[in-house]
N, C-alpha and C. Protein backbone atom coordinates (compact mmCIF):
# COMPACT_ATOMS: atom_id res chain seq x y z
N UNK A 1 73.86 102.46 123.63
CA UNK A 1 73.80 101.83 122.34
C UNK A 1 73.50 100.34 122.55
N UNK A 2 72.57 99.79 121.79
CA UNK A 2 72.27 98.36 121.94
C UNK A 2 73.51 97.51 121.65
N UNK A 3 73.60 96.40 122.35
CA UNK A 3 74.78 95.54 122.26
C UNK A 3 75.06 95.08 120.83
N UNK A 4 74.04 94.69 120.09
CA UNK A 4 74.27 94.18 118.73
C UNK A 4 74.84 95.27 117.81
N UNK A 5 74.46 96.53 118.04
CA UNK A 5 75.01 97.63 117.24
C UNK A 5 76.46 97.91 117.63
N UNK A 6 76.75 97.79 118.92
CA UNK A 6 78.12 97.98 119.39
C UNK A 6 79.05 96.92 118.80
N UNK A 7 78.59 95.68 118.80
CA UNK A 7 79.39 94.59 118.23
C UNK A 7 79.60 94.82 116.74
N UNK A 8 78.55 95.21 116.03
CA UNK A 8 78.66 95.47 114.59
C UNK A 8 79.63 96.61 114.31
N UNK A 9 79.58 97.66 115.10
CA UNK A 9 80.48 98.81 114.91
C UNK A 9 81.93 98.41 115.17
N UNK A 10 82.14 97.59 116.20
CA UNK A 10 83.49 97.13 116.53
C UNK A 10 84.05 96.27 115.41
N UNK A 11 83.24 95.36 114.88
CA UNK A 11 83.68 94.49 113.79
C UNK A 11 83.98 95.31 112.53
N UNK A 12 83.18 96.29 112.23
CA UNK A 12 83.40 97.14 111.06
C UNK A 12 84.72 97.90 111.19
N UNK A 13 85.02 98.40 112.38
CA UNK A 13 86.27 99.12 112.60
C UNK A 13 87.46 98.18 112.45
N UNK A 14 87.34 96.94 112.94
CA UNK A 14 88.41 95.96 112.81
C UNK A 14 88.66 95.62 111.35
N UNK A 15 87.62 95.38 110.60
CA UNK A 15 87.75 95.04 109.18
C UNK A 15 88.38 96.20 108.41
N UNK A 16 87.95 97.42 108.69
CA UNK A 16 88.50 98.59 108.01
C UNK A 16 89.98 98.76 108.33
N UNK A 17 90.36 98.57 109.57
CA UNK A 17 91.76 98.68 109.97
C UNK A 17 92.59 97.57 109.34
N UNK A 18 92.08 96.35 109.32
CA UNK A 18 92.80 95.23 108.73
C UNK A 18 92.98 95.44 107.24
N UNK A 19 91.97 95.92 106.56
CA UNK A 19 92.06 96.15 105.12
C UNK A 19 93.09 97.21 104.82
N UNK A 20 93.13 98.27 105.60
CA UNK A 20 94.10 99.34 105.38
C UNK A 20 95.51 98.80 105.56
N UNK A 21 95.73 98.00 106.58
CA UNK A 21 97.04 97.44 106.83
C UNK A 21 97.48 96.50 105.71
N UNK A 22 96.56 95.88 105.05
CA UNK A 22 96.89 94.96 103.97
C UNK A 22 97.09 95.66 102.64
N UNK A 23 96.89 96.95 102.56
CA UNK A 23 97.07 97.68 101.32
C UNK A 23 98.43 98.35 101.24
N UNK A 24 99.32 98.01 102.16
CA UNK A 24 100.68 98.52 102.12
C UNK A 24 100.81 100.00 102.40
N UNK A 25 99.86 100.57 103.15
CA UNK A 25 99.94 101.99 103.47
C UNK A 25 101.07 102.27 104.45
N UNK A 26 101.82 103.31 104.19
CA UNK A 26 102.99 103.67 104.99
C UNK A 26 102.61 103.80 106.46
N UNK A 27 103.32 103.07 107.30
CA UNK A 27 103.11 103.14 108.74
C UNK A 27 102.09 102.15 109.29
N UNK A 28 101.16 101.67 108.48
CA UNK A 28 100.11 100.77 108.96
C UNK A 28 100.65 99.36 109.20
N UNK A 29 100.49 98.87 110.41
CA UNK A 29 100.91 97.53 110.76
C UNK A 29 102.39 97.40 111.11
N UNK A 30 103.12 98.51 111.10
CA UNK A 30 104.55 98.47 111.38
C UNK A 30 104.84 98.11 112.83
N UNK A 31 104.16 98.73 113.75
CA UNK A 31 104.45 98.55 115.18
C UNK A 31 104.30 97.09 115.62
N UNK A 32 103.33 96.37 115.05
CA UNK A 32 103.09 94.98 115.45
C UNK A 32 104.25 94.06 115.12
N UNK A 33 105.03 94.37 114.11
CA UNK A 33 106.13 93.49 113.68
C UNK A 33 107.49 94.17 113.74
N UNK A 34 107.58 95.30 114.41
CA UNK A 34 108.81 96.09 114.44
C UNK A 34 110.03 95.28 114.85
N UNK A 35 109.88 94.40 115.85
CA UNK A 35 111.03 93.67 116.37
C UNK A 35 111.73 92.83 115.31
N UNK A 36 110.97 92.15 114.45
CA UNK A 36 111.65 91.36 113.42
C UNK A 36 111.92 92.18 112.16
N UNK A 37 111.18 93.26 111.93
CA UNK A 37 111.52 94.15 110.80
C UNK A 37 112.94 94.70 110.98
N UNK A 38 113.30 95.02 112.22
CA UNK A 38 114.63 95.57 112.52
C UNK A 38 115.76 94.65 112.08
N UNK A 39 115.50 93.35 112.05
CA UNK A 39 116.54 92.37 111.72
C UNK A 39 116.70 92.15 110.22
N UNK A 40 115.76 92.65 109.41
CA UNK A 40 115.83 92.45 107.96
C UNK A 40 116.94 93.31 107.35
N UNK A 41 117.66 92.75 106.39
CA UNK A 41 118.76 93.45 105.72
C UNK A 41 118.52 93.47 104.22
N UNK A 42 118.85 94.61 103.60
CA UNK A 42 118.69 94.77 102.17
C UNK A 42 119.67 93.87 101.41
N UNK A 43 119.15 93.17 100.40
CA UNK A 43 120.04 92.32 99.60
C UNK A 43 121.12 93.18 98.93
N UNK A 44 122.34 92.68 98.93
CA UNK A 44 123.43 93.38 98.25
C UNK A 44 124.17 94.39 99.10
N UNK A 45 123.45 95.13 99.95
CA UNK A 45 124.11 96.18 100.74
C UNK A 45 124.24 95.83 102.21
N UNK A 46 123.32 95.01 102.72
CA UNK A 46 123.33 94.68 104.14
C UNK A 46 122.77 95.78 105.02
N UNK A 47 122.31 96.88 104.40
CA UNK A 47 121.71 97.97 105.17
C UNK A 47 120.35 97.51 105.70
N UNK A 48 119.88 98.15 106.73
CA UNK A 48 118.59 97.81 107.33
C UNK A 48 117.45 98.07 106.36
N UNK A 49 116.48 97.16 106.36
CA UNK A 49 115.26 97.37 105.58
C UNK A 49 114.33 98.34 106.31
N UNK A 50 114.46 98.34 107.62
CA UNK A 50 113.56 99.09 108.49
C UNK A 50 114.22 100.38 108.96
N UNK A 51 113.84 101.46 108.35
CA UNK A 51 114.39 102.75 108.74
C UNK A 51 113.33 103.62 109.41
N UNK A 52 112.21 103.02 109.72
CA UNK A 52 111.12 103.74 110.36
C UNK A 52 111.29 103.79 111.85
N UNK A 53 110.30 104.37 112.50
CA UNK A 53 110.32 104.47 113.95
C UNK A 53 109.36 103.46 114.55
N UNK A 54 109.18 103.50 115.84
CA UNK A 54 108.39 102.52 116.57
C UNK A 54 107.24 103.23 117.29
N UNK A 55 106.43 102.47 117.99
CA UNK A 55 105.29 102.99 118.76
C UNK A 55 104.26 103.69 117.88
N UNK A 56 104.03 103.13 116.70
CA UNK A 56 102.98 103.64 115.83
C UNK A 56 103.34 104.87 115.03
N UNK A 57 104.54 105.39 115.18
CA UNK A 57 104.94 106.58 114.44
C UNK A 57 105.74 106.14 113.22
N UNK A 58 105.26 106.54 112.04
CA UNK A 58 105.90 106.20 110.77
C UNK A 58 106.05 104.69 110.62
N UNK A 59 107.09 104.24 109.96
CA UNK A 59 107.33 102.82 109.76
C UNK A 59 107.46 102.49 108.28
N UNK A 60 108.66 102.14 107.86
CA UNK A 60 108.89 101.81 106.46
C UNK A 60 108.35 100.44 106.09
N UNK A 61 108.38 99.49 107.02
CA UNK A 61 107.93 98.12 106.75
C UNK A 61 106.50 97.94 107.21
N UNK A 62 105.75 97.18 106.41
CA UNK A 62 104.36 96.91 106.78
C UNK A 62 103.84 95.73 105.98
N UNK A 63 102.76 95.09 106.49
CA UNK A 63 102.15 93.99 105.74
C UNK A 63 101.46 94.54 104.49
N UNK A 64 101.35 93.70 103.48
CA UNK A 64 100.69 94.10 102.24
C UNK A 64 100.13 92.86 101.56
N UNK A 65 99.36 93.08 100.53
CA UNK A 65 98.90 91.99 99.68
C UNK A 65 99.83 91.93 98.47
N UNK A 66 100.10 90.73 97.99
CA UNK A 66 101.01 90.58 96.86
C UNK A 66 100.70 89.29 96.12
N UNK A 67 101.19 89.23 94.89
CA UNK A 67 101.08 88.00 94.10
C UNK A 67 102.31 87.91 93.19
N UNK A 68 102.59 86.68 92.77
CA UNK A 68 103.73 86.45 91.89
C UNK A 68 103.22 85.94 90.56
N UNK A 69 103.66 86.57 89.48
CA UNK A 69 103.26 86.16 88.14
C UNK A 69 104.10 84.95 87.70
N UNK A 70 103.65 84.33 86.62
CA UNK A 70 104.35 83.16 86.08
C UNK A 70 105.80 83.45 85.71
N UNK A 71 106.10 84.71 85.38
CA UNK A 71 107.47 85.07 85.01
C UNK A 71 108.39 85.25 86.23
N UNK A 72 107.84 85.08 87.44
CA UNK A 72 108.61 85.18 88.66
C UNK A 72 108.59 86.54 89.33
N UNK A 73 108.06 87.55 88.65
CA UNK A 73 108.01 88.90 89.24
C UNK A 73 106.89 89.00 90.26
N UNK A 74 107.19 89.70 91.35
CA UNK A 74 106.20 89.97 92.40
C UNK A 74 105.55 91.33 92.16
N UNK A 75 104.27 91.41 92.48
CA UNK A 75 103.50 92.65 92.45
C UNK A 75 102.88 92.82 93.83
N UNK A 76 102.98 94.02 94.37
CA UNK A 76 102.50 94.26 95.73
C UNK A 76 101.74 95.58 95.79
N UNK A 77 100.84 95.66 96.75
CA UNK A 77 100.16 96.92 97.01
C UNK A 77 101.09 97.82 97.83
N UNK A 78 101.35 98.99 97.30
CA UNK A 78 102.19 99.97 97.97
C UNK A 78 101.39 101.26 98.06
N UNK A 79 101.02 101.60 99.28
CA UNK A 79 100.17 102.77 99.52
C UNK A 79 98.91 102.73 98.67
N UNK A 80 98.33 101.52 98.56
CA UNK A 80 97.03 101.35 97.89
C UNK A 80 97.09 101.17 96.39
N UNK A 81 98.29 101.12 95.79
CA UNK A 81 98.37 100.89 94.34
C UNK A 81 99.31 99.73 94.06
N UNK A 82 99.00 98.96 93.01
CA UNK A 82 99.81 97.82 92.64
C UNK A 82 101.09 98.28 91.95
N UNK A 83 102.23 97.75 92.39
CA UNK A 83 103.52 98.06 91.78
C UNK A 83 104.30 96.76 91.60
N UNK A 84 105.17 96.74 90.59
CA UNK A 84 106.08 95.61 90.43
C UNK A 84 107.23 95.80 91.42
N UNK A 85 107.56 94.74 92.12
CA UNK A 85 108.65 94.77 93.09
C UNK A 85 109.96 94.48 92.34
N UNK A 86 110.96 95.37 92.43
CA UNK A 86 112.24 95.09 91.77
C UNK A 86 112.83 93.78 92.31
N UNK A 87 113.22 92.85 91.43
CA UNK A 87 113.75 91.56 91.90
C UNK A 87 114.93 91.69 92.86
N UNK A 88 115.72 92.76 92.74
CA UNK A 88 116.91 92.92 93.61
C UNK A 88 116.57 93.16 95.07
N UNK A 89 115.30 93.51 95.40
CA UNK A 89 114.93 93.78 96.80
C UNK A 89 114.14 92.63 97.43
N UNK A 90 113.89 91.57 96.67
CA UNK A 90 113.11 90.44 97.19
C UNK A 90 113.99 89.59 98.09
N UNK A 91 113.56 89.43 99.34
CA UNK A 91 114.27 88.59 100.30
C UNK A 91 113.83 87.15 100.11
N UNK A 92 114.75 86.23 100.26
CA UNK A 92 114.48 84.80 100.06
C UNK A 92 114.13 84.11 101.37
N UNK A 93 113.24 84.72 102.13
CA UNK A 93 112.79 84.15 103.39
C UNK A 93 111.32 84.46 103.57
N UNK A 94 110.69 83.75 104.48
CA UNK A 94 109.29 84.00 104.78
C UNK A 94 109.17 84.78 106.07
N UNK A 95 108.17 85.62 106.13
CA UNK A 95 107.86 86.34 107.36
C UNK A 95 107.32 85.35 108.40
N UNK A 96 107.51 85.64 109.68
CA UNK A 96 107.00 84.74 110.73
C UNK A 96 105.50 84.48 110.62
N UNK A 97 104.75 85.46 110.11
CA UNK A 97 103.29 85.29 110.01
C UNK A 97 102.86 84.73 108.65
N UNK A 98 103.81 84.48 107.74
CA UNK A 98 103.50 83.90 106.45
C UNK A 98 102.90 84.86 105.43
N UNK A 99 102.71 86.14 105.84
CA UNK A 99 102.12 87.12 104.93
C UNK A 99 103.21 87.84 104.15
N UNK A 100 102.78 88.61 103.16
CA UNK A 100 103.70 89.45 102.40
C UNK A 100 103.93 90.74 103.17
N UNK A 101 105.16 91.26 103.07
CA UNK A 101 105.53 92.51 103.74
C UNK A 101 106.40 93.31 102.79
N UNK A 102 106.25 94.63 102.86
CA UNK A 102 107.03 95.53 102.02
C UNK A 102 107.65 96.61 102.90
N UNK A 103 108.89 96.97 102.59
CA UNK A 103 109.58 98.06 103.29
C UNK A 103 109.90 99.11 102.24
N UNK A 104 109.29 100.26 102.36
CA UNK A 104 109.47 101.34 101.38
C UNK A 104 109.26 102.68 102.06
N UNK A 105 109.91 103.71 101.51
CA UNK A 105 109.73 105.04 102.08
C UNK A 105 108.49 105.72 101.49
N UNK A 106 108.24 106.94 101.92
CA UNK A 106 107.03 107.65 101.49
C UNK A 106 107.04 108.00 100.01
N UNK A 107 108.22 108.04 99.39
CA UNK A 107 108.28 108.36 97.96
C UNK A 107 108.14 107.11 97.09
N UNK A 108 108.01 105.93 97.73
CA UNK A 108 107.79 104.70 96.98
C UNK A 108 109.04 103.90 96.68
N UNK A 109 110.18 104.31 97.21
CA UNK A 109 111.42 103.55 97.01
C UNK A 109 111.35 102.30 97.89
N UNK A 110 111.38 101.12 97.25
CA UNK A 110 111.25 99.86 97.97
C UNK A 110 112.64 99.38 98.40
N UNK A 111 112.80 99.14 99.71
CA UNK A 111 114.07 98.66 100.26
C UNK A 111 114.11 97.13 100.29
N UNK A 112 112.99 96.52 100.73
CA UNK A 112 112.92 95.07 100.88
C UNK A 112 111.49 94.60 100.69
N UNK A 113 111.36 93.33 100.30
CA UNK A 113 110.05 92.72 100.11
C UNK A 113 110.14 91.26 100.50
N UNK A 114 109.12 90.78 101.21
CA UNK A 114 109.00 89.37 101.53
C UNK A 114 107.67 88.88 100.97
N UNK A 115 107.73 87.88 100.10
CA UNK A 115 106.52 87.32 99.54
C UNK A 115 105.86 86.37 100.51
N UNK A 116 104.55 86.34 100.48
CA UNK A 116 103.79 85.46 101.38
C UNK A 116 103.86 84.01 100.96
N UNK A 117 103.27 83.16 101.76
CA UNK A 117 103.31 81.73 101.52
C UNK A 117 101.91 81.19 101.25
N UNK A 118 101.66 80.62 100.06
CA UNK A 118 102.43 80.76 98.86
C UNK A 118 102.18 82.10 98.17
N UNK A 119 100.96 82.60 98.24
CA UNK A 119 100.62 83.92 97.74
C UNK A 119 99.66 84.51 98.74
N UNK A 120 99.80 85.79 99.04
CA UNK A 120 98.90 86.40 100.02
C UNK A 120 98.48 87.77 99.56
């Protein structure tokens, strides 16, 4: 395969993977941040936000795209669809990478959410 086509194919795969990880799809992007996801605690209960596994298998927490409306409510992509984040699960801290992250199970129950800086 010519080098320029190989480079183009590699870049396309990277963009597709990055876009998927930013749409809050379950399991995508979890392994890269697992170490600090484990330390997150649900507001009010102190239970772990991260109930997923490691090494690319499953993963409740993952990066996502999100925005905050003027009324203070956050909206995030969860498995590719926009949802309002319940205020009781919003953590008052920033992720180390400054992006938005959501922790939710496969049925859409959100455990924790971190908004990006300032909006991501």
